[in-house]
Amino acid sequence: MKNKEKKKMATDMKIFFIICAVIVCILAAAVVYLVIPKDVAVVGDNKVTHHEFKYYFMQNLQSVLAYADPSTDQQQLIDYAKQMALSQAVQVEYMLQEAKKEGFKVDEKELNDSWAEMQKSVNEGAQQCNLSVKDFCEQSFGVNMNQLKSIYADTFRAQKYIDKKIDEMPVDETELLTYYEENKEFFDYCDVRHILIKVEQDAEDAVVQEKNKEAQDILARVNNGEDFAALAEEFSEDTGSKNTGGLYQVTQNTNFVPEFMEWTFSHKPGETGIIQTMHGFHVMKLDNVYDSLESNRDNIISSYKAEKFQSSMNEEMGNSNIKIEVLKGYNEFQF
């Protein structure tokens, strides 16, 4: 009787250990499922992986943060960067598949050379930040170097294909003129030069008069035919333009002080003058005005074609037989 009980206990223990082993396997599988990053979208037969999405997210987040109002809610910025990243990742994958259908191929040497430059920049960035290349990649791009190389190659191929398709877009002159008229504030611009003589806002009158005389003397030299660019390099205290001869390309949307903008858009090419702003005295010269379709034709056509291509591509993606589906990994993505 005791031997039977011992055998039963041994059998029960084996069953117990087997059950424990099964539970451990199930828990391990569950942990792996939770830890492994999930794909975020399906495009045709391929998926947008977590790593690809994270790369595009990091790039878009940096761009959003650079231009966002500091008072904007951070979660809103993150959500916006996620939306942009998803759109970009899906578009790249869609373009790669369309390029493959057409048999489009890039120059591999050009790709390798471009990647070499990128790799050099990564190495230099890591050195400047006193980080390992691995840590720099993770912090800047959200991926490791091998993943970065693969994603970079895909985006390079997709962009080359997009460039080809944009170049092939037809130009309708009537549409082009309408497009320009509707967007001319983004295209019309002036080439204006200035030489800044700084004056502190709380400067004494004697200092202001001295700085004004310095500006007047430089203006006289400009009007006597001396090279404006050379004078700017010698005298201008504007570090943003002195090494380019004081030159700025100014549109109606340029965020310069009002006096500078008013002078620029109220004068004719060749005219000179002096204005005073919160920064000091500016010796001004208007070089050229580009305020017509013909004077800025190449830039307008490039923008027109790019916008027309984007519209046609969005329409194609909407009507395409290629399956495009957002997966759970997108909603579960955390930053």
Protein backbone atom coordinates (compact mmCIF):
# COMPACT_ATOMS: atom_id res chain seq x y z
CA MET A 1 0.00 0.00 0.00
CA LYS A 2 2.83 2.40 0.87
CA ASN A 3 4.66 1.56 -2.41
CA LYS A 4 1.51 2.44 -4.38
CA GLU A 5 1.24 5.80 -2.57
CA LYS A 6 4.91 6.56 -3.31
CA LYS A 7 4.44 5.73 -7.00
CA LYS A 8 1.32 7.93 -7.11
CA MET A 9 3.16 10.81 -5.46
CA ALA A 10 6.05 10.46 -7.94
CA THR A 11 3.62 10.47 -10.85
CA ASP A 12 1.81 13.52 -9.42
CA MET A 13 5.14 15.35 -9.03
CA LYS A 14 6.07 14.63 -12.67
CA ILE A 15 2.72 15.99 -13.82
CA PHE A 16 3.23 19.04 -11.58
CA PHE A 17 6.67 19.73 -13.06
CA ILE A 18 5.34 19.27 -16.61
CA ILE A 19 2.53 21.75 -15.91
CA CYS A 20 5.03 24.21 -14.40
CA ALA A 21 7.25 23.87 -17.46
CA VAL A 22 4.31 24.56 -19.77
CA ILE A 23 3.34 27.63 -17.74
CA VAL A 24 6.93 28.91 -17.85
CA CYS A 25 6.98 28.51 -21.63
CA ILE A 26 3.67 30.35 -21.99
CA LEU A 27 4.87 33.19 -19.75
CA ALA A 28 8.17 33.40 -21.63
CA ALA A 29 6.35 33.57 -24.94
CA ALA A 30 4.10 36.29 -23.57
CA VAL A 31 7.09 38.31 -22.35
CA VAL A 32 8.81 37.96 -25.72
CA TYR A 33 5.62 39.05 -27.45
CA LEU A 34 5.45 42.14 -25.25
CA VAL A 35 9.15 42.97 -25.60
CA ILE A 36 9.53 42.45 -29.35
CA PRO A 37 8.57 45.74 -31.09
CA LYS A 38 5.48 45.34 -33.21
CA ASP A 39 5.15 46.30 -36.89
CA VAL A 40 3.16 49.49 -37.41
CA ALA A 41 1.70 49.08 -40.90
CA VAL A 42 1.26 46.80 -43.89
CA VAL A 43 1.89 48.11 -47.40
CA GLY A 44 1.26 45.49 -50.05
CA ASP A 45 3.27 42.40 -49.23
CA ASN A 46 5.68 44.25 -46.93
CA LYS A 47 5.45 45.70 -43.47
CA VAL A 48 6.65 48.94 -41.96
CA THR A 49 8.67 47.71 -39.01
CA HIS A 50 8.91 49.31 -35.60
CA HIS A 51 12.53 50.30 -36.28
CA GLU A 52 11.69 51.94 -39.62
CA PHE A 53 8.82 53.83 -38.04
CA LYS A 54 10.95 54.92 -35.08
CA TYR A 55 13.58 56.33 -37.47
CA TYR A 56 11.00 58.46 -39.30
CA PHE A 57 9.40 59.45 -36.01
CA MET A 58 12.70 60.69 -34.58
CA GLN A 59 13.43 62.76 -37.69
CA ASN A 60 9.98 64.31 -37.72
CA LEU A 61 9.95 64.95 -33.98
CA GLN A 62 13.23 66.86 -34.20
CA SER A 63 11.83 68.95 -37.03
CA VAL A 64 8.55 69.61 -35.19
CA LEU A 65 10.33 70.61 -31.98
CA ALA A 66 12.65 72.96 -33.87
CA TYR A 67 9.78 75.04 -35.26
CA ALA A 68 7.02 74.55 -32.68
CA ASP A 69 5.75 77.23 -30.36
CA PRO A 70 7.29 76.50 -26.93
CA SER A 71 3.83 76.78 -25.35
CA THR A 72 2.42 73.92 -27.47
CA ASP A 73 1.46 70.80 -25.53
CA GLN A 74 4.25 68.23 -25.84
CA GLN A 75 1.87 65.32 -26.41
CA GLN A 76 0.32 67.16 -29.34
CA LEU A 77 3.77 67.51 -30.89
CA ILE A 78 4.49 63.82 -30.36
CA ASP A 79 1.15 62.82 -31.90
CA TYR A 80 1.78 65.08 -34.89
CA ALA A 81 5.27 63.63 -35.36
CA LYS A 82 3.75 60.14 -35.24
CA GLN A 83 1.24 61.01 -37.97
CA MET A 84 3.94 62.49 -40.17
CA ALA A 85 6.21 59.49 -39.58
CA LEU A 86 3.47 57.03 -40.51
CA SER A 87 2.67 58.92 -43.70
CA GLN A 88 6.35 59.10 -44.64
CA ALA A 89 7.08 55.45 -43.87
CA VAL A 90 4.06 54.24 -45.85
CA GLN A 91 4.94 56.51 -48.77
CA VAL A 92 8.53 55.25 -48.89
CA GLU A 93 7.41 51.62 -48.88
CA TYR A 94 4.78 52.34 -51.54
CA MET A 95 7.34 54.09 -53.74
CA LEU A 96 9.80 51.21 -53.37
CA GLN A 97 7.17 48.77 -54.58
CA GLU A 98 6.18 51.01 -57.50
CA ALA A 99 9.85 51.43 -58.44
CA LYS A 100 10.30 47.66 -58.39
CA LYS A 101 7.30 47.22 -60.71
CA GLU A 102 8.88 49.61 -63.21
CA GLY A 103 12.30 48.00 -62.89
CA PHE A 104 13.72 51.30 -61.66
CA LYS A 105 17.22 51.05 -60.21
CA VAL A 106 19.57 53.60 -58.68
CA ASP A 107 23.27 54.03 -59.33
CA GLU A 108 24.78 51.84 -56.61
CA LYS A 109 27.98 53.87 -56.60
CA GLU A 110 25.97 57.02 -55.97
CA LEU A 111 24.13 55.28 -53.15
CA ASN A 112 27.36 53.99 -51.60
CA ASP A 113 28.99 57.41 -51.85
CA SER A 114 25.96 59.04 -50.25
CA TRP A 115 25.97 56.52 -47.42
CA ALA A 116 29.69 57.07 -46.88
CA GLU A 117 29.00 60.78 -46.36
CA MET A 118 26.17 59.95 -43.99
CA GLN A 119 28.35 57.55 -42.03
CA LYS A 120 31.05 60.19 -41.79
CA SER A 121 28.53 62.68 -40.40
CA VAL A 122 27.34 60.13 -37.84
CA ASN A 123 30.89 59.45 -36.69
CA GLU A 124 31.65 63.16 -36.42
CA GLY A 125 28.39 63.79 -34.56
CA ALA A 126 29.16 61.04 -32.07
CA GLN A 127 32.62 62.49 -31.50
CA GLN A 128 31.28 66.01 -30.97
CA CYS A 129 28.71 64.74 -28.48
CA ASN A 130 31.31 62.58 -26.74
CA LEU A 131 29.17 59.47 -27.37
CA SER A 132 29.82 56.06 -28.87
CA VAL A 133 28.52 55.68 -32.42
CA LYS A 134 25.99 53.15 -31.09
CA ASP A 135 24.62 55.56 -28.47
CA PHE A 136 24.63 58.48 -30.91
CA CYS A 137 22.62 56.48 -33.47
CA GLU A 138 20.12 55.39 -30.84
CA GLN A 139 19.64 58.91 -29.51
CA SER A 140 19.59 60.70 -32.88
CA PHE A 141 17.85 58.16 -35.12
CA GLY A 142 16.25 55.67 -32.76
CA VAL A 143 18.02 52.74 -34.44
CA ASN A 144 21.44 51.10 -34.55
CA MET A 145 23.97 51.65 -37.34
CA ASN A 146 23.03 48.55 -39.35
CA GLN A 147 19.36 49.46 -39.21
CA LEU A 148 20.20 53.04 -40.15
CA LYS A 149 22.15 51.87 -43.19
CA SER A 150 19.26 49.73 -44.42
CA ILE A 151 16.66 52.47 -43.87
CA TYR A 152 18.93 55.07 -45.47
CA ALA A 153 19.29 52.90 -48.59
CA ASP A 154 15.51 52.48 -48.84
CA THR A 155 14.82 56.21 -48.47
CA PHE A 156 17.56 56.99 -51.00
CA ARG A 157 16.03 54.62 -53.57
CA ALA A 158 12.52 55.90 -52.92
CA GLN A 159 13.62 59.55 -53.22
CA LYS A 160 15.43 58.92 -56.51
CA TYR A 161 12.31 57.30 -57.89
CA ILE A 162 10.20 60.22 -56.66
CA ASP A 163 12.62 62.68 -58.29
CA LYS A 164 12.23 60.81 -61.58
CA LYS A 165 8.42 60.86 -61.37
CA ILE A 166 8.36 64.55 -60.45
CA ASP A 167 10.64 65.38 -63.37
CA GLU A 168 8.23 63.56 -65.71
CA MET A 169 5.18 65.53 -64.53
CA PRO A 170 3.72 67.61 -67.37
CA VAL A 171 3.46 71.39 -67.04
CA ASP A 172 0.24 73.12 -68.06
CA GLU A 173 1.04 76.83 -68.53
CA THR A 174 -2.43 77.98 -67.49
CA GLU A 175 -2.29 75.86 -64.34
CA LEU A 176 1.24 77.06 -63.66
CA LEU A 177 0.23 80.74 -63.82
CA THR A 178 -2.73 80.10 -61.51
CA TYR A 179 -0.48 78.21 -59.10
CA TYR A 180 1.99 81.10 -59.05
CA GLU A 181 -0.70 83.74 -58.49
CA GLU A 182 -2.14 81.73 -55.59
CA ASN A 183 1.25 81.25 -53.95
CA LYS A 184 3.31 84.26 -55.06
CA GLU A 185 4.07 85.37 -51.49
CA PHE A 186 6.15 82.20 -51.17
CA PHE A 187 8.00 82.73 -54.46
CA ASP A 188 8.50 86.48 -54.91
CA TYR A 189 11.69 87.63 -53.27
CA CYS A 190 14.34 90.33 -53.26
CA ASP A 191 18.12 90.13 -53.16
CA VAL A 192 19.02 92.78 -50.60
CA ARG A 193 22.37 93.58 -49.01
CA HIS A 194 23.07 95.35 -45.76
CA ILE A 195 25.98 96.35 -43.54
CA LEU A 196 25.07 96.40 -39.87
CA ILE A 197 26.69 98.89 -37.52
CA LYS A 198 25.53 97.76 -34.10
CA VAL A 199 24.19 100.21 -31.53
CA GLU A 200 23.13 99.17 -28.05
CA GLN A 201 19.54 100.18 -27.32
CA ASP A 202 20.57 102.10 -24.21
CA ALA A 203 23.56 103.79 -25.89
CA GLU A 204 24.22 107.45 -25.15
CA ASP A 205 23.42 110.05 -27.81
CA ALA A 206 27.09 110.65 -28.55
CA VAL A 207 27.60 106.96 -29.32
CA VAL A 208 24.49 106.86 -31.52
CA GLN A 209 25.72 109.89 -33.50
CA GLU A 210 29.16 108.32 -33.90
CA LYS A 211 27.65 105.05 -35.20
CA ASN A 212 25.36 106.98 -37.54
CA LYS A 213 28.35 108.86 -38.98
CA GLU A 214 30.15 105.54 -39.50
CA ALA A 215 27.16 104.23 -41.44
CA GLN A 216 26.92 107.45 -43.49
CA ASP A 217 30.62 107.19 -44.39
CA ILE A 218 30.16 103.60 -45.59
CA LEU A 219 27.09 104.59 -47.62
CA ALA A 220 29.11 107.34 -49.29
CA ARG A 221 31.74 104.79 -50.29
CA VAL A 222 29.00 102.53 -51.70
CA ASN A 223 27.52 105.39 -53.71
CA ASN A 224 30.98 106.27 -55.01
CA GLY A 225 31.16 102.82 -56.61
CA GLU A 226 33.05 100.70 -54.06
CA ASP A 227 32.11 97.03 -53.92
CA PHE A 228 29.31 96.53 -51.41
CA ALA A 229 30.22 92.90 -50.70
CA ALA A 230 33.80 93.81 -49.85
CA LEU A 231 32.65 96.61 -47.55
CA ALA A 232 30.21 94.23 -45.84
CA GLU A 233 32.97 91.72 -45.17
CA GLU A 234 35.09 94.48 -43.70
CA PHE A 235 32.59 96.45 -41.63
CA SER A 236 29.34 94.53 -41.06
CA GLU A 237 28.65 93.24 -37.56
CA ASP A 238 25.96 90.84 -38.77
CA THR A 239 27.65 87.45 -38.50
CA GLY A 240 24.84 85.85 -40.48
CA SER A 241 25.61 87.72 -43.70
CA LYS A 242 28.99 89.49 -43.58
CA ASN A 243 30.79 86.51 -45.15
CA THR A 244 28.32 86.48 -48.05
CA GLY A 245 28.68 90.16 -48.83
CA GLY A 246 25.73 91.16 -46.66
CA LEU A 247 23.29 89.33 -48.95
CA TYR A 248 19.85 88.09 -47.91
CA GLN A 249 17.04 86.68 -50.03
CA VAL A 250 13.90 88.17 -48.51
CA THR A 251 10.29 87.10 -49.10
CA GLN A 252 7.16 88.69 -47.69
CA ASN A 253 7.17 85.90 -45.10
CA THR A 254 10.74 86.49 -43.92
CA ASN A 255 10.83 87.25 -40.21
CA PHE A 256 13.05 90.35 -40.16
CA VAL A 257 12.48 93.59 -38.23
CA PRO A 258 9.71 95.75 -39.78
CA GLU A 259 12.01 98.61 -40.85
CA PHE A 260 14.18 96.19 -42.84
CA MET A 261 11.17 94.60 -44.56
CA GLU A 262 9.53 97.96 -45.34
CA TRP A 263 12.70 99.35 -46.92
CA THR A 264 13.29 96.21 -48.99
CA PHE A 265 9.83 96.13 -50.55
CA SER A 266 9.56 99.86 -51.17
CA HIS A 267 12.73 100.38 -53.26
CA LYS A 268 13.99 99.57 -56.73
CA PRO A 269 17.06 97.58 -57.76
CA GLY A 270 20.23 99.65 -57.39
CA GLU A 271 18.85 101.98 -54.74
CA THR A 272 20.73 102.46 -51.46
CA GLY A 273 19.99 103.99 -48.08
CA ILE A 274 20.27 103.79 -44.30
CA ILE A 275 17.71 102.58 -41.79
CA GLN A 276 17.80 102.41 -38.01
CA THR A 277 16.40 99.40 -36.17
CA MET A 278 16.65 97.92 -32.70
CA HIS A 279 19.96 96.38 -33.81
CA GLY A 280 21.60 99.61 -34.96
CA PHE A 281 22.18 101.26 -38.34
CA HIS A 282 21.90 99.33 -41.59
CA VAL A 283 23.50 100.46 -44.83
CA MET A 284 21.12 99.06 -47.44
CA LYS A 285 21.30 98.19 -51.12
CA LEU A 286 18.63 96.44 -53.17
CA ASP A 287 20.23 94.20 -55.79
CA ASN A 288 17.34 92.48 -57.59
CA VAL A 289 13.60 91.88 -57.39
CA TYR A 290 12.05 88.60 -58.51
CA ASP A 291 8.32 89.21 -58.61
CA SER A 292 7.04 87.50 -61.74
CA LEU A 293 6.53 84.01 -63.10
CA GLU A 294 9.35 84.40 -65.58
CA SER A 295 11.87 85.83 -63.13
CA ASN A 296 11.52 82.81 -60.85
CA ARG A 297 10.26 80.24 -63.32
CA ASP A 298 12.53 77.31 -62.39
CA ASN A 299 11.65 77.43 -58.68
CA ILE A 300 7.94 77.79 -59.42
CA ILE A 301 7.95 74.86 -61.86
CA SER A 302 9.81 72.66 -59.37
CA SER A 303 7.30 73.41 -56.64
CA TYR A 304 4.33 73.03 -59.02
CA LYS A 305 5.54 69.63 -60.21
CA ALA A 306 6.26 68.39 -56.69
CA GLU A 307 2.80 69.41 -55.47
CA LYS A 308 1.13 67.91 -58.54
CA PHE A 309 3.03 64.66 -58.05
CA GLN A 310 2.07 64.48 -54.37
CA SER A 311 -1.60 64.96 -55.22
CA SER A 312 -1.49 62.28 -57.92
CA MET A 313 0.38 59.88 -55.64
CA ASN A 314 -2.14 60.35 -52.82
CA GLU A 315 -4.91 59.60 -55.30
CA GLU A 316 -3.09 56.53 -56.61
CA MET A 317 -2.51 55.21 -53.11
CA GLY A 318 -6.19 55.66 -52.33
CA ASN A 319 -7.28 53.83 -55.48
CA SER A 320 -4.46 51.29 -55.57
CA ASN A 321 -4.92 47.55 -55.26
CA ILE A 322 -1.98 47.59 -52.86
CA LYS A 323 -3.20 46.87 -49.35
CA ILE A 324 -2.38 49.64 -46.86
CA GLU A 325 -3.30 48.94 -43.25
CA VAL A 326 -2.28 50.51 -39.96
CA LEU A 327 -1.43 47.89 -37.32
CA LYS A 328 -1.62 47.85 -33.52
CA GLY A 329 2.07 48.66 -33.30
CA TYR A 330 1.30 52.23 -34.38
CA ASN A 331 -1.14 52.87 -31.54
CA GLU A 332 1.08 51.10 -29.04
CA PHE A 333 4.20 53.03 -30.03
CA GLN A 334 5.58 54.92 -27.05
CA PHE A 335 8.20 57.65 -26.91
